[in-house]
């Protein structure tokens, strides 16, 4: 039986945090090996977040680290390319680390028009 709604209820705060951070809808999806939180971006890129090796954990008291992975989707049927990944005890910190990595590697694409496009900021340059 699909458990998408069960995980969406359990991880409501995580869904809200990622939706607020990205200004995009965040959803629980079945990855084939488990469940993860997914956020879609421009250029067929997406983020997957989970707190266990095989997806979102069922354990209420689990202290596993959050893993945030950024992927480039492949249109030709090949495997999607992992662009960046980070782990941290806090979801938002793992998110920040993953985006710091993708920016440092120069792998984040920006569009000519920035209307409704997600442009992660570099907080280090402001200080």
PDB file of N, CA and C in Angstrom:
ATOM      1  N   UNK A   1       0.840  -1.171   0.000  1.00  0.00           N
ATOM      2  CA  UNK A   1       0.000   0.000   0.000  1.00  0.00           C
ATOM      3  C   UNK A   1       0.895   1.248   0.000  1.00  0.00           C
ATOM      4  N   UNK A   2       0.618   2.215  -0.854  1.00  0.00           N
ATOM      5  CA  UNK A   2       1.430   3.439  -0.881  1.00  0.00           C
ATOM      6  C   UNK A   2       1.391   4.163   0.465  1.00  0.00           C
ATOM      7  N   UNK A   3       2.535   4.692   0.849  1.00  0.00           N
ATOM      8  CA  UNK A   3       2.640   5.352   2.148  1.00  0.00           C
ATOM      9  C   UNK A   3       2.983   6.831   2.006  1.00  0.00           C
ATOM     10  N   UNK A   4       2.720   7.396   0.844  1.00  0.00           N
ATOM     11  CA  UNK A   4       3.052   8.793   0.588  1.00  0.00           C
ATOM     12  C   UNK A   4       2.378   9.722   1.588  1.00  0.00           C
ATOM     13  N   UNK A   5       1.086   9.546   1.809  1.00  0.00           N
ATOM     14  CA  UNK A   5       0.363  10.434   2.728  1.00  0.00           C
ATOM     15  C   UNK A   5       0.839  10.262   4.162  1.00  0.00           C
ATOM     16  N   UNK A   6       1.133   9.029   4.556  1.00  0.00           N
ATOM     17  CA  UNK A   6       1.646   8.779   5.910  1.00  0.00           C
ATOM     18  C   UNK A   6       2.940   9.559   6.142  1.00  0.00           C
ATOM     19  N   UNK A   7       3.852   9.486   5.172  1.00  0.00           N
ATOM     20  CA  UNK A   7       5.120  10.217   5.299  1.00  0.00           C
ATOM     21  C   UNK A   7       4.903  11.725   5.206  1.00  0.00           C
ATOM     22  N   UNK A   8       3.975  12.158   4.372  1.00  0.00           N
ATOM     23  CA  UNK A   8       3.680  13.594   4.269  1.00  0.00           C
ATOM     24  C   UNK A   8       3.167  14.130   5.604  1.00  0.00           C
ATOM     25  N   UNK A   9       2.354  13.351   6.292  1.00  0.00           N
ATOM     26  CA  UNK A   9       1.855  13.763   7.609  1.00  0.00           C
ATOM     27  C   UNK A   9       2.986  13.806   8.635  1.00  0.00           C
ATOM     28  N   UNK A  10       3.829  12.780   8.631  1.00  0.00           N
ATOM     29  CA  UNK A  10       4.920  12.689   9.603  1.00  0.00           C
ATOM     30  C   UNK A  10       5.965  13.781   9.375  1.00  0.00           C
ATOM     31  N   UNK A  11       6.246  14.093   8.131  1.00  0.00           N
ATOM     32  CA  UNK A  11       7.312  15.038   7.798  1.00  0.00           C
ATOM     33  C   UNK A  11       6.772  16.382   7.315  1.00  0.00           C
ATOM     34  N   UNK A  12       5.638  16.789   7.843  1.00  0.00           N
ATOM     35  CA  UNK A  12       5.013  18.060   7.446  1.00  0.00           C
ATOM     36  C   UNK A  12       5.963  19.241   7.648  1.00  0.00           C
ATOM     37  N   UNK A  13       6.693  19.270   8.766  1.00  0.00           N
ATOM     38  CA  UNK A  13       7.625  20.375   9.025  1.00  0.00           C
ATOM     39  C   UNK A  13       8.760  20.400   8.003  1.00  0.00           C
ATOM     40  N   UNK A  14       9.265  19.234   7.634  1.00  0.00           N
ATOM     41  CA  UNK A  14      10.337  19.167   6.639  1.00  0.00           C
ATOM     42  C   UNK A  14       9.839  19.629   5.275  1.00  0.00           C
ATOM     43  N   UNK A  15       8.630  19.229   4.908  1.00  0.00           N
ATOM     44  CA  UNK A  15       8.043  19.680   3.642  1.00  0.00           C
ATOM     45  C   UNK A  15       7.885  21.197   3.631  1.00  0.00           C
ATOM     46  N   UNK A  16       7.411  21.739   4.735  1.00  0.00           N
ATOM     47  CA  UNK A  16       7.224  23.189   4.839  1.00  0.00           C
ATOM     48  C   UNK A  16       8.558  23.920   4.771  1.00  0.00           C
ATOM     49  N   UNK A  17       9.579  23.400   5.446  1.00  0.00           N
ATOM     50  CA  UNK A  17      10.899  24.042   5.443  1.00  0.00           C
ATOM     51  C   UNK A  17      11.495  24.079   4.042  1.00  0.00           C
ATOM     52  N   UNK A  18      11.418  22.963   3.317  1.00  0.00           N
ATOM     53  CA  UNK A  18      11.978  22.945   1.961  1.00  0.00           C
ATOM     54  C   UNK A  18      11.162  23.798   1.000  1.00  0.00           C
ATOM     55  N   UNK A  19       9.857  23.805   1.160  1.00  0.00           N
ATOM     56  CA  UNK A  19       9.020  24.657   0.309  1.00  0.00           C
ATOM     57  C   UNK A  19       9.337  26.130   0.555  1.00  0.00           C
ATOM     58  N   UNK A  20       9.544  26.501   1.805  1.00  0.00           N
ATOM     59  CA  UNK A  20       9.878  27.891   2.125  1.00  0.00           C
ATOM     60  C   UNK A  20      11.273  28.258   1.625  1.00  0.00           C
ATOM     61  N   UNK A  21      12.229  27.353   1.782  1.00  0.00           N
ATOM     62  CA  UNK A  21      13.603  27.639   1.366  1.00  0.00           C
ATOM     63  C   UNK A  21      13.744  27.744  -0.149  1.00  0.00           C
ATOM     64  N   UNK A  22      12.963  26.965  -0.878  1.00  0.00           N
ATOM     65  CA  UNK A  22      13.104  26.930  -2.341  1.00  0.00           C
ATOM     66  C   UNK A  22      12.041  27.729  -3.077  1.00  0.00           C
ATOM     67  N   UNK A  23      10.983  28.100  -2.379  1.00  0.00           N
ATOM     68  CA  UNK A  23       9.822  28.746  -2.999  1.00  0.00           C
ATOM     69  C   UNK A  23       9.247  27.866  -4.110  1.00  0.00           C
ATOM     70  N   UNK A  24       9.249  26.570  -3.852  1.00  0.00           N
ATOM     71  CA  UNK A  24       8.728  25.552  -4.758  1.00  0.00           C
ATOM     72  C   UNK A  24       7.922  24.549  -3.941  1.00  0.00           C
ATOM     73  N   UNK A  25       6.985  23.847  -4.571  1.00  0.00           N
ATOM     74  CA  UNK A  25       6.279  22.776  -3.851  1.00  0.00           C
ATOM     75  C   UNK A  25       7.241  21.648  -3.472  1.00  0.00           C
ATOM     76  N   UNK A  26       7.066  21.106  -2.302  1.00  0.00           N
ATOM     77  CA  UNK A  26       7.831  19.950  -1.843  1.00  0.00           C
ATOM     78  C   UNK A  26       6.839  18.815  -1.632  1.00  0.00           C
ATOM     79  N   UNK A  27       7.185  17.630  -2.131  1.00  0.00           N
ATOM     80  CA  UNK A  27       6.277  16.483  -2.067  1.00  0.00           C
ATOM     81  C   UNK A  27       7.025  15.240  -1.632  1.00  0.00           C
ATOM     82  N   UNK A  28       6.314  14.319  -1.012  1.00  0.00           N
ATOM     83  CA  UNK A  28       6.866  13.005  -0.710  1.00  0.00           C
ATOM     84  C   UNK A  28       6.644  12.132  -1.935  1.00  0.00           C
ATOM     85  N   UNK A  29       7.717  11.471  -2.389  1.00  0.00           N
ATOM     86  CA  UNK A  29       7.641  10.614  -3.569  1.00  0.00           C
ATOM     87  C   UNK A  29       8.221   9.240  -3.255  1.00  0.00           C
ATOM     88  N   UNK A  30       7.767   8.247  -3.998  1.00  0.00           N
ATOM     89  CA  UNK A  30       8.313   6.900  -3.918  1.00  0.00           C
ATOM     90  C   UNK A  30       9.466   6.828  -4.905  1.00  0.00           C
ATOM     91  N   UNK A  31      10.670   6.551  -4.411  1.00  0.00           N
ATOM     92  CA  UNK A  31      11.856   6.498  -5.273  1.00  0.00           C
ATOM     93  C   UNK A  31      12.112   5.108  -5.842  1.00  0.00           C
ATOM     94  N   UNK A  32      11.327   4.148  -5.431  1.00  0.00           N
ATOM     95  CA  UNK A  32      11.548   2.772  -5.852  1.00  0.00           C
ATOM     96  C   UNK A  32      12.264   1.967  -4.784  1.00  0.00           C
ATOM     97  N   UNK A  33      13.083   2.636  -3.974  1.00  0.00           N
ATOM     98  CA  UNK A  33      13.769   1.970  -2.863  1.00  0.00           C
ATOM     99  C   UNK A  33      13.257   2.456  -1.519  1.00  0.00           C
ATOM    100  N   UNK A  34      12.388   3.440  -1.537  1.00  0.00           N
ATOM    101  CA  UNK A  34      11.835   4.027  -0.322  1.00  0.00           C
ATOM    102  C   UNK A  34      11.135   5.328  -0.676  1.00  0.00           C
ATOM    103  N   UNK A  35      10.934   6.148   0.317  1.00  0.00           N
ATOM    104  CA  UNK A  35      10.275   7.441   0.110  1.00  0.00           C
ATOM    105  C   UNK A  35      11.255   8.559   0.418  1.00  0.00           C
ATOM    106  N   UNK A  36      11.111   9.679  -0.279  1.00  0.00           N
ATOM    107  CA  UNK A  36      11.958  10.848  -0.058  1.00  0.00           C
ATOM    108  C   UNK A  36      11.133  12.094  -0.325  1.00  0.00           C
ATOM    109  N   UNK A  37      11.643  13.213   0.133  1.00  0.00           N
ATOM    110  CA  UNK A  37      11.028  14.499  -0.173  1.00  0.00           C
ATOM    111  C   UNK A  37      11.685  15.011  -1.449  1.00  0.00           C
ATOM    112  N   UNK A  38      10.851  15.464  -2.392  1.00  0.00           N
ATOM    113  CA  UNK A  38      11.363  15.927  -3.682  1.00  0.00           C
ATOM    114  C   UNK A  38      10.903  17.358  -3.943  1.00  0.00           C
ATOM    115  N   UNK A  39      11.837  18.152  -4.488  1.00  0.00           N
ATOM    116  CA  UNK A  39      11.554  19.506  -4.955  1.00  0.00           C
ATOM    117  C   UNK A  39      12.106  19.601  -6.370  1.00  0.00           C
ATOM    118  N   UNK A  40      11.277  20.037  -7.315  1.00  0.00           N
ATOM    119  CA  UNK A  40      11.702  20.167  -8.710  1.00  0.00           C
ATOM    120  C   UNK A  40      12.116  21.599  -9.018  1.00  0.00           C
ATOM    121  N   UNK A  41      13.178  21.726  -9.838  1.00  0.00           N
ATOM    122  CA  UNK A  41      13.698  23.022 -10.265  1.00  0.00           C
ATOM    123  C   UNK A  41      13.687  23.110 -11.787  1.00  0.00           C
ATOM    124  N   UNK A  42      14.190  24.221 -12.305  1.00  0.00           N
ATOM    125  CA  UNK A  42      14.311  24.405 -13.743  1.00  0.00           C
ATOM    126  C   UNK A  42      15.354  23.444 -14.315  1.00  0.00           C
ATOM    127  N   UNK A  43      15.331  23.314 -15.643  1.00  0.00           N
ATOM    128  CA  UNK A  43      16.327  22.535 -16.389  1.00  0.00           C
ATOM    129  C   UNK A  43      16.368  21.066 -15.977  1.00  0.00           C
ATOM    130  N   UNK A  44      15.224  20.511 -15.598  1.00  0.00           N
ATOM    131  CA  UNK A  44      15.126  19.094 -15.248  1.00  0.00           C
ATOM    132  C   UNK A  44      16.024  18.723 -14.062  1.00  0.00           C
ATOM    133  N   UNK A  45      16.166  19.642 -13.131  1.00  0.00           N
ATOM    134  CA  UNK A  45      16.934  19.385 -11.915  1.00  0.00           C
ATOM    135  C   UNK A  45      15.976  19.217 -10.748  1.00  0.00           C
ATOM    136  N   UNK A  46      16.403  18.433  -9.779  1.00  0.00           N
ATOM    137  CA  UNK A  46      15.558  18.203  -8.612  1.00  0.00           C
ATOM    138  C   UNK A  46      16.395  17.874  -7.388  1.00  0.00           C
ATOM    139  N   UNK A  47      15.765  17.997  -6.246  1.00  0.00           N
ATOM    140  CA  UNK A  47      16.372  17.724  -4.952  1.00  0.00           C
ATOM    141  C   UNK A  47      15.638  16.552  -4.321  1.00  0.00           C
ATOM    142  N   UNK A  48      16.373  15.650  -3.699  1.00  0.00           N
ATOM    143  CA  UNK A  48      15.785  14.589  -2.880  1.00  0.00           C
ATOM    144  C   UNK A  48      16.352  14.714  -1.478  1.00  0.00           C
ATOM    145  N   UNK A  49      15.488  14.640  -0.485  1.00  0.00           N
ATOM    146  CA  UNK A  49      15.915  14.697   0.912  1.00  0.00           C
ATOM    147  C   UNK A  49      15.359  13.489   1.646  1.00  0.00           C
ATOM    148  N   UNK A  50      16.216  12.857   2.441  1.00  0.00           N
ATOM    149  CA  UNK A  50      15.784  11.714   3.242  1.00  0.00           C
ATOM    150  C   UNK A  50      16.610  11.672   4.517  1.00  0.00           C
ATOM    151  N   UNK A  51      16.130  10.916   5.474  1.00  0.00           N
ATOM    152  CA  UNK A  51      16.841  10.814   6.745  1.00  0.00           C
ATOM    153  C   UNK A  51      17.222   9.375   7.084  1.00  0.00           C
ATOM    154  N   UNK A  52      17.318   8.535   6.080  1.00  0.00           N
ATOM    155  CA  UNK A  52      17.792   7.163   6.246  1.00  0.00           C
ATOM    156  C   UNK A  52      18.369   6.708   4.906  1.00  0.00           C
ATOM    157  N   UNK A  53      19.178   5.674   4.925  1.00  0.00           N
ATOM    158  CA  UNK A  53      19.835   5.212   3.706  1.00  0.00           C
ATOM    159  C   UNK A  53      18.842   4.809   2.625  1.00  0.00           C
ATOM    160  N   UNK A  54      17.711   4.249   3.026  1.00  0.00           N
ATOM    161  CA  UNK A  54      16.727   3.784   2.044  1.00  0.00           C
ATOM    162  C   UNK A  54      15.516   4.707   1.944  1.00  0.00           C
ATOM    163  N   UNK A  55      15.635   5.933   2.405  1.00  0.00           N
ATOM    164  CA  UNK A  55      14.528   6.884   2.295  1.00  0.00           C
ATOM    165  C   UNK A  55      14.150   7.471   3.633  1.00  0.00           C
ATOM    166  N   UNK A  56      12.904   7.875   3.748  1.00  0.00           N
ATOM    167  CA  UNK A  56      12.410   8.449   5.000  1.00  0.00           C
ATOM    168  C   UNK A  56      12.165   7.340   6.008  1.00  0.00           C
ATOM    169  N   UNK A  57      12.625   7.534   7.218  1.00  0.00           N
ATOM    170  CA  UNK A  57      12.501   6.509   8.245  1.00  0.00           C
ATOM    171  C   UNK A  57      11.115   6.525   8.892  1.00  0.00           C
ATOM    172  N   UNK A  58      10.724   5.378   9.405  1.00  0.00           N
ATOM    173  CA  UNK A  58       9.454   5.248  10.118  1.00  0.00           C
ATOM    174  C   UNK A  58       9.619   5.501  11.608  1.00  0.00           C
ATOM    175  N   UNK A  59      10.849   5.413  12.103  1.00  0.00           N
ATOM    176  CA  UNK A  59      11.101   5.511  13.540  1.00  0.00           C
ATOM    177  C   UNK A  59      10.891   6.939  14.032  1.00  0.00           C
ATOM    178  N   UNK A  60      10.048   7.083  15.038  1.00  0.00           N
ATOM    179  CA  UNK A  60       9.743   8.414  15.577  1.00  0.00           C
ATOM    180  C   UNK A  60      10.943   9.033  16.287  1.00  0.00           C
ATOM    181  N   UNK A  61      11.772   8.226  16.892  1.00  0.00           N
ATOM    182  CA  UNK A  61      12.915   8.735  17.655  1.00  0.00           C
ATOM    183  C   UNK A  61      14.233   8.563  16.910  1.00  0.00           C
ATOM    184  N   UNK A  62      14.192   8.401  15.623  1.00  0.00           N
ATOM    185  CA  UNK A  62      15.409   8.214  14.841  1.00  0.00           C
ATOM    186  C   UNK A  62      16.235   9.495  14.847  1.00  0.00           C
ATOM    187  N   UNK A  63      17.546   9.354  15.034  1.00  0.00           N
ATOM    188  CA  UNK A  63      18.436  10.515  15.045  1.00  0.00           C
ATOM    189  C   UNK A  63      19.375  10.521  13.843  1.00  0.00           C
ATOM    190  N   UNK A  64      18.990   9.851  12.772  1.00  0.00           N
ATOM    191  CA  UNK A  64      19.815   9.814  11.570  1.00  0.00           C
ATOM    192  C   UNK A  64      19.967  11.206  10.985  1.00  0.00           C
ATOM    193  N   UNK A  65      21.072  11.408  10.283  1.00  0.00           N
ATOM    194  CA  UNK A  65      21.291  12.689   9.626  1.00  0.00           C
ATOM    195  C   UNK A  65      20.440  12.795   8.369  1.00  0.00           C
ATOM    196  N   UNK A  66      20.077  14.014   8.039  1.00  0.00           N
ATOM    197  CA  UNK A  66      19.379  14.281   6.789  1.00  0.00           C
ATOM    198  C   UNK A  66      20.385  14.280   5.659  1.00  0.00           C
ATOM    199  N   UNK A  67      20.005  13.727   4.534  1.00  0.00           N
ATOM    200  CA  UNK A  67      20.824  13.756   3.322  1.00  0.00           C
ATOM    201  C   UNK A  67      20.034  14.510   2.264  1.00  0.00           C
ATOM    202  N   UNK A  68      20.647  15.538   1.708  1.00  0.00           N
ATOM    203  CA  UNK A  68      20.056  16.310   0.622  1.00  0.00           C
ATOM    204  C   UNK A  68      20.925  16.090  -0.606  1.00  0.00           C
ATOM    205  N   UNK A  69      20.310  15.617  -1.675  1.00  0.00           N
ATOM    206  CA  UNK A  69      21.015  15.337  -2.926  1.00  0.00           C
ATOM    207  C   UNK A  69      20.369  16.128  -4.052  1.00  0.00           C
ATOM    208  N   UNK A  70      21.197  16.714  -4.905  1.00  0.00           N
ATOM    209  CA  UNK A  70      20.723  17.474  -6.061  1.00  0.00           C
ATOM    210  C   UNK A  70      21.089  16.704  -7.320  1.00  0.00           C
ATOM    211  N   UNK A  71      20.118  16.528  -8.206  1.00  0.00           N
ATOM    212  CA  UNK A  71      20.293  15.717  -9.406  1.00  0.00           C
ATOM    213  C   UNK A  71      19.969  16.494 -10.671  1.00  0.00           C
ATOM    214  N   UNK A  72      20.618  16.077 -11.750  1.00  0.00           N
ATOM    215  CA  UNK A  72      20.264  16.511 -13.096  1.00  0.00           C
ATOM    216  C   UNK A  72      19.543  15.339 -13.739  1.00  0.00           C
ATOM    217  N   UNK A  73      18.274  15.534 -14.080  1.00  0.00           N
ATOM    218  CA  UNK A  73      17.506  14.476 -14.725  1.00  0.00           C
ATOM    219  C   UNK A  73      18.014  14.218 -16.130  1.00  0.00           C
ATOM    220  N   UNK A  74      17.978  12.972 -16.547  1.00  0.00           N
ATOM    221  CA  UNK A  74      18.415  12.587 -17.889  1.00  0.00           C
ATOM    222  C   UNK A  74      17.194  12.291 -18.746  1.00  0.00           C
ATOM    223  N   UNK A  75      17.138  12.896 -19.911  1.00  0.00           N
ATOM    224  CA  UNK A  75      15.993  12.712 -20.809  1.00  0.00           C
ATOM    225  C   UNK A  75      16.166  11.507 -21.723  1.00  0.00           C
ATOM    226  N   UNK A  76      17.371  10.965 -21.791  1.00  0.00           N
ATOM    227  CA  UNK A  76      17.640   9.890 -22.740  1.00  0.00           C
ATOM    228  C   UNK A  76      17.516   8.491 -22.141  1.00  0.00           C
ATOM    229  N   UNK A  77      16.957   8.378 -20.944  1.00  0.00           N
ATOM    230  CA  UNK A  77      16.756   7.069 -20.338  1.00  0.00           C
ATOM    231  C   UNK A  77      17.919   6.587 -19.495  1.00  0.00           C
ATOM    232  N   UNK A  78      19.017   7.331 -19.463  1.00  0.00           N
ATOM    233  CA  UNK A  78      20.140   6.949 -18.619  1.00  0.00           C
ATOM    234  C   UNK A  78      19.867   7.396 -17.184  1.00  0.00           C
ATOM    235  N   UNK A  79      20.726   7.009 -16.290  1.00  0.00           N
ATOM    236  CA  UNK A  79      20.561   7.381 -14.883  1.00  0.00           C
ATOM    237  C   UNK A  79      20.750   8.880 -14.693  1.00  0.00           C
ATOM    238  N   UNK A  80      19.996   9.436 -13.756  1.00  0.00           N
ATOM    239  CA  UNK A  80      20.148  10.850 -13.431  1.00  0.00           C
ATOM    240  C   UNK A  80      21.515  11.084 -12.798  1.00  0.00           C
ATOM    241  N   UNK A  81      22.085  12.260 -13.046  1.00  0.00           N
ATOM    242  CA  UNK A  81      23.426  12.588 -12.559  1.00  0.00           C
ATOM    243  C   UNK A  81      23.349  13.272 -11.195  1.00  0.00           C
ATOM    244  N   UNK A  82      24.082  12.745 -10.233  1.00  0.00           N
ATOM    245  CA  UNK A  82      24.185  13.374  -8.920  1.00  0.00           C
ATOM    246  C   UNK A  82      25.117  14.572  -9.045  1.00  0.00           C
ATOM    247  N   UNK A  83      24.607  15.764  -8.748  1.00  0.00           N
ATOM    248  CA  UNK A  83      25.395  16.990  -8.855  1.00  0.00           C
ATOM    249  C   UNK A  83      26.044  17.375  -7.531  1.00  0.00           C
ATOM    250  N   UNK A  84      25.342  17.158  -6.435  1.00  0.00           N
ATOM    251  CA  UNK A  84      25.860  17.512  -5.111  1.00  0.00           C
ATOM    252  C   UNK A  84      25.053  16.774  -4.058  1.00  0.00           C
ATOM    253  N   UNK A  85      25.691  16.520  -2.938  1.00  0.00           N
ATOM    254  CA  UNK A  85      25.007  15.875  -1.810  1.00  0.00           C
ATOM    255  C   UNK A  85      25.654  16.349  -0.521  1.00  0.00           C
ATOM    256  N   UNK A  86      24.856  16.426   0.518  1.00  0.00           N
ATOM    257  CA  UNK A  86      25.367  16.820   1.829  1.00  0.00           C
ATOM    258  C   UNK A  86      24.525  16.166   2.908  1.00  0.00           C
ATOM    259  N   UNK A  87      25.150  15.952   4.058  1.00  0.00           N
ATOM    260  CA  UNK A  87      24.453  15.379   5.206  1.00  0.00           C
ATOM    261  C   UNK A  87      24.669  16.263   6.424  1.00  0.00           C
ATOM    262  N   UNK A  88      23.634  16.347   7.243  1.00  0.00           N
ATOM    263  CA  UNK A  88      23.716  17.114   8.485  1.00  0.00           C
ATOM    264  C   UNK A  88      22.568  16.668   9.384  1.00  0.00           C
ATOM    265  N   UNK A  89      22.720  16.898  10.671  1.00  0.00           N
ATOM    266  CA  UNK A  89      21.663  16.538  11.621  1.00  0.00           C
ATOM    267  C   UNK A  89      20.384  17.322  11.363  1.00  0.00           C
ATOM    268  N   UNK A  90      20.500  18.536  10.828  1.00  0.00           N
ATOM    269  CA  UNK A  90      19.348  19.391  10.547  1.00  0.00           C
ATOM    270  C   UNK A  90      19.132  19.478   9.051  1.00  0.00           C
ATOM    271  N   UNK A  91      17.895  19.315   8.619  1.00  0.00           N
ATOM    272  CA  UNK A  91      17.547  19.328   7.199  1.00  0.00           C
ATOM    273  C   UNK A  91      17.989  20.611   6.506  1.00  0.00           C
ATOM    274  N   UNK A  92      17.691  21.757   7.083  1.00  0.00           N
ATOM    275  CA  UNK A  92      18.015  23.027   6.428  1.00  0.00           C
ATOM    276  C   UNK A  92      19.525  23.214   6.317  1.00  0.00           C
ATOM    277  N   UNK A  93      20.283  22.726   7.285  1.00  0.00           N
ATOM    278  CA  UNK A  93      21.741  22.814   7.185  1.00  0.00           C
ATOM    279  C   UNK A  93      22.274  21.909   6.080  1.00  0.00           C
ATOM    280  N   UNK A  94      21.707  20.717   5.934  1.00  0.00           N
ATOM    281  CA  UNK A  94      22.099  19.838   4.825  1.00  0.00           C
ATOM    282  C   UNK A  94      21.759  20.492   3.490  1.00  0.00           C
ATOM    283  N   UNK A  95      20.609  21.136   3.418  1.00  0.00           N
ATOM    284  CA  UNK A  95      20.197  21.875   2.219  1.00  0.00           C
ATOM    285  C   UNK A  95      21.217  22.967   1.893  1.00  0.00           C
ATOM    286  N   UNK A  96      21.577  23.773   2.885  1.00  0.00           N
ATOM    287  CA  UNK A  96      22.555  24.849   2.672  1.00  0.00           C
ATOM    288  C   UNK A  96      23.900  24.307   2.214  1.00  0.00           C
ATOM    289  N   UNK A  97      24.355  23.219   2.815  1.00  0.00           N
ATOM    290  CA  UNK A  97      25.639  22.626   2.435  1.00  0.00           C
ATOM    291  C   UNK A  97      25.619  22.097   1.004  1.00  0.00           C
ATOM    292  N   UNK A  98      24.528  21.458   0.616  1.00  0.00           N
ATOM    293  CA  UNK A  98      24.424  20.930  -0.751  1.00  0.00           C
ATOM    294  C   UNK A  98      24.457  22.063  -1.773  1.00  0.00           C
ATOM    295  N   UNK A  99      23.741  23.152  -1.492  1.00  0.00           N
ATOM    296  CA  UNK A  99      23.757  24.273  -2.432  1.00  0.00           C
ATOM    297  C   UNK A  99      25.079  25.022  -2.414  1.00  0.00           C
ATOM    298  N   UNK A 100      25.764  25.068  -1.284  1.00  0.00           N
ATOM    299  CA  UNK A 100      27.099  25.668  -1.252  1.00  0.00           C
ATOM    300  C   UNK A 100      28.044  24.862  -2.135  1.00  0.00           C
ATOM    301  N   UNK A 101      27.911  23.535  -2.085  1.00  0.00           N
ATOM    302  CA  UNK A 101      28.754  22.657  -2.898  1.00  0.00           C
ATOM    303  C   UNK A 101      28.480  22.838  -4.388  1.00  0.00           C
ATOM    304  N   UNK A 102      27.208  22.867  -4.776  1.00  0.00           N
ATOM    305  CA  UNK A 102      26.880  22.978  -6.198  1.00  0.00           C
ATOM    306  C   UNK A 102      27.298  24.344  -6.750  1.00  0.00           C
ATOM    307  N   UNK A 103      27.208  25.384  -5.934  1.00  0.00           N
ATOM    308  CA  UNK A 103      27.671  26.708  -6.369  1.00  0.00           C
ATOM    309  C   UNK A 103      29.187  26.733  -6.488  1.00  0.00           C
ATOM    310  N   UNK A 104      29.889  26.144  -5.522  1.00  0.00           N
ATOM    311  CA  UNK A 104      31.353  26.127  -5.541  1.00  0.00           C
ATOM    312  C   UNK A 104      31.887  25.364  -6.749  1.00  0.00           C
ATOM    313  N   UNK A 105      31.178  24.318  -7.147  1.00  0.00           N
ATOM    314  CA  UNK A 105      31.590  23.525  -8.307  1.00  0.00           C
ATOM    315  C   UNK A 105      31.178  24.164  -9.625  1.00  0.00           C
ATOM    316  N   UNK A 106      30.387  25.232  -9.564  1.00  0.00           N
ATOM    317  CA  UNK A 106      29.926  25.906 -10.782  1.00  0.00           C
ATOM    318  C   UNK A 106      28.906  25.102 -11.560  1.00  0.00           C
ATOM    319  N   UNK A 107      28.152  24.250 -10.883  1.00  0.00           N
ATOM    320  CA  UNK A 107      27.192  23.377 -11.560  1.00  0.00           C
ATOM    321  C   UNK A 107      25.759  23.893 -11.525  1.00  0.00           C
ATOM    322  N   UNK A 108      25.513  25.044 -10.889  1.00  0.00           N
ATOM    323  CA  UNK A 108      24.152  25.562 -10.823  1.00  0.00           C
ATOM    324  C   UNK A 108      23.915  26.482 -12.004  1.00  0.00           C
ATOM    325  N   UNK A 109      22.911  26.176 -12.826  1.00  0.00           N
ATOM    326  CA  UNK A 109      22.567  26.991 -13.985  1.00  0.00           C
ATOM    327  C   UNK A 109      21.583  28.075 -13.576  1.00  0.00           C
ATOM    328  N   UNK A 110      21.764  29.259 -14.139  1.00  0.00           N
ATOM    329  CA  UNK A 110      20.785  30.320 -13.941  1.00  0.00           C
ATOM    330  C   UNK A 110      20.188  30.669 -15.289  1.00  0.00           C
ATOM    331  N   UNK A 111      18.970  31.118 -15.263  1.00  0.00           N
ATOM    332  CA  UNK A 111      18.280  31.482 -16.501  1.00  0.00           C
ATOM    333  C   UNK A 111      18.503  32.958 -16.796  1.00  0.00           C
ATOM    334  N   UNK A 112      18.277  33.349 -18.053  1.00  0.00           N
ATOM    335  CA  UNK A 112      18.386  34.761 -18.425  1.00  0.00           C
ATOM    336  C   UNK A 112      17.353  35.591 -17.678  1.00  0.00           C
ATOM    337  N   UNK A 113      16.138  35.097 -17.595  1.00  0.00           N
ATOM    338  CA  UNK A 113      15.075  35.782 -16.860  1.00  0.00           C
ATOM    339  C   UNK A 113      14.953  35.131 -15.492  1.00  0.00           C
ATOM    340  N   UNK A 114      14.924  35.919 -14.455  1.00  0.00           N
ATOM    341  CA  UNK A 114      14.895  35.337 -13.112  1.00  0.00           C
ATOM    342  C   UNK A 114      13.494  35.268 -12.525  1.00  0.00           C
ATOM    343  N   UNK A 115      12.459  35.572 -13.310  1.00  0.00           N
ATOM    344  CA  UNK A 115      11.099  35.501 -12.799  1.00  0.00           C
ATOM    345  C   UNK A 115      10.771  34.086 -12.368  1.00  0.00           C
ATOM    346  N   UNK A 116      10.473  33.925 -11.099  1.00  0.00           N
ATOM    347  CA  UNK A 116      10.075  32.648 -10.511  1.00  0.00           C
ATOM    348  C   UNK A 116      11.155  31.575 -10.612  1.00  0.00           C
ATOM    349  N   UNK A 117      12.397  31.980 -10.762  1.00  0.00           N
ATOM    350  CA  UNK A 117      13.500  31.031 -10.801  1.00  0.00           C
ATOM    351  C   UNK A 117      14.150  30.982  -9.432  1.00  0.00           C
ATOM    352  N   UNK A 118      14.577  29.808  -9.013  1.00  0.00           N
ATOM    353  CA  UNK A 118      15.261  29.672  -7.733  1.00  0.00           C
ATOM    354  C   UNK A 118      16.725  30.030  -7.926  1.00  0.00           C
ATOM    355  N   UNK A 119      17.169  31.061  -7.242  1.00  0.00           N
ATOM    356  CA  UNK A 119      18.569  31.483  -7.273  1.00  0.00           C
ATOM    357  C   UNK A 119      19.109  31.460  -5.853  1.00  0.00           C
ATOM    358  N   UNK A 120      19.817  30.393  -5.482  1.00  0.00           N
ATOM    359  CA  UNK A 120      20.354  30.347  -4.127  1.00  0.00           C
ATOM    360  C   UNK A 120      21.358  31.476  -3.928  1.00  0.00           C
ATOM    361  N   UNK A 121      21.328  32.084  -2.760  1.00  0.00           N
ATOM    362  CA  UNK A 121      22.245  33.179  -2.480  1.00  0.00           C
ATOM    363  C   UNK A 121      23.496  32.652  -1.817  1.00  0.00           C
ATOM    364  N   UNK A 122      24.549  33.426  -1.928  1.00  0.00           N
ATOM    365  CA  UNK A 122      25.799  33.086  -1.277  1.00  0.00           C
ATOM    366  C   UNK A 122      25.920  33.976  -0.053  1.00  0.00           C
ATOM    367  N   UNK A 123      25.536  33.459   1.102  1.00  0.00           N
ATOM    368  CA  UNK A 123      25.520  34.257   2.325  1.00  0.00           C
ATOM    369  C   UNK A 123      26.914  34.684   2.766  1.00  0.00           C
ATOM    370  N   UNK A 124      27.958  33.952   2.383  1.00  0.00           N
ATOM    371  CA  UNK A 124      29.313  34.303   2.787  1.00  0.00           C
ATOM    372  C   UNK A 124      29.773  35.610   2.145  1.00  0.00           C
ATOM    373  N   UNK A 125      29.286  35.923   0.939  1.00  0.00           N
ATOM    374  CA  UNK A 125      29.754  37.126   0.257  1.00  0.00           C
ATOM    375  C   UNK A 125      29.160  38.391   0.860  1.00  0.00           C
ATOM    376  N   UNK A 126      28.104  38.274   1.645  1.00  0.00           N
ATOM    377  CA  UNK A 126      27.454  39.442   2.235  1.00  0.00           C
ATOM    378  C   UNK A 126      28.226  39.983   3.432  1.00  0.00           C
ATOM    379  N   UNK A 127      29.090  39.183   4.011  1.00  0.00           N
ATOM    380  CA  UNK A 127      29.809  39.646   5.204  1.00  0.00           C
ATOM    381  C   UNK A 127      31.177  40.171   4.892  1.00  0.00           C
TER     382      UNK A 127
END
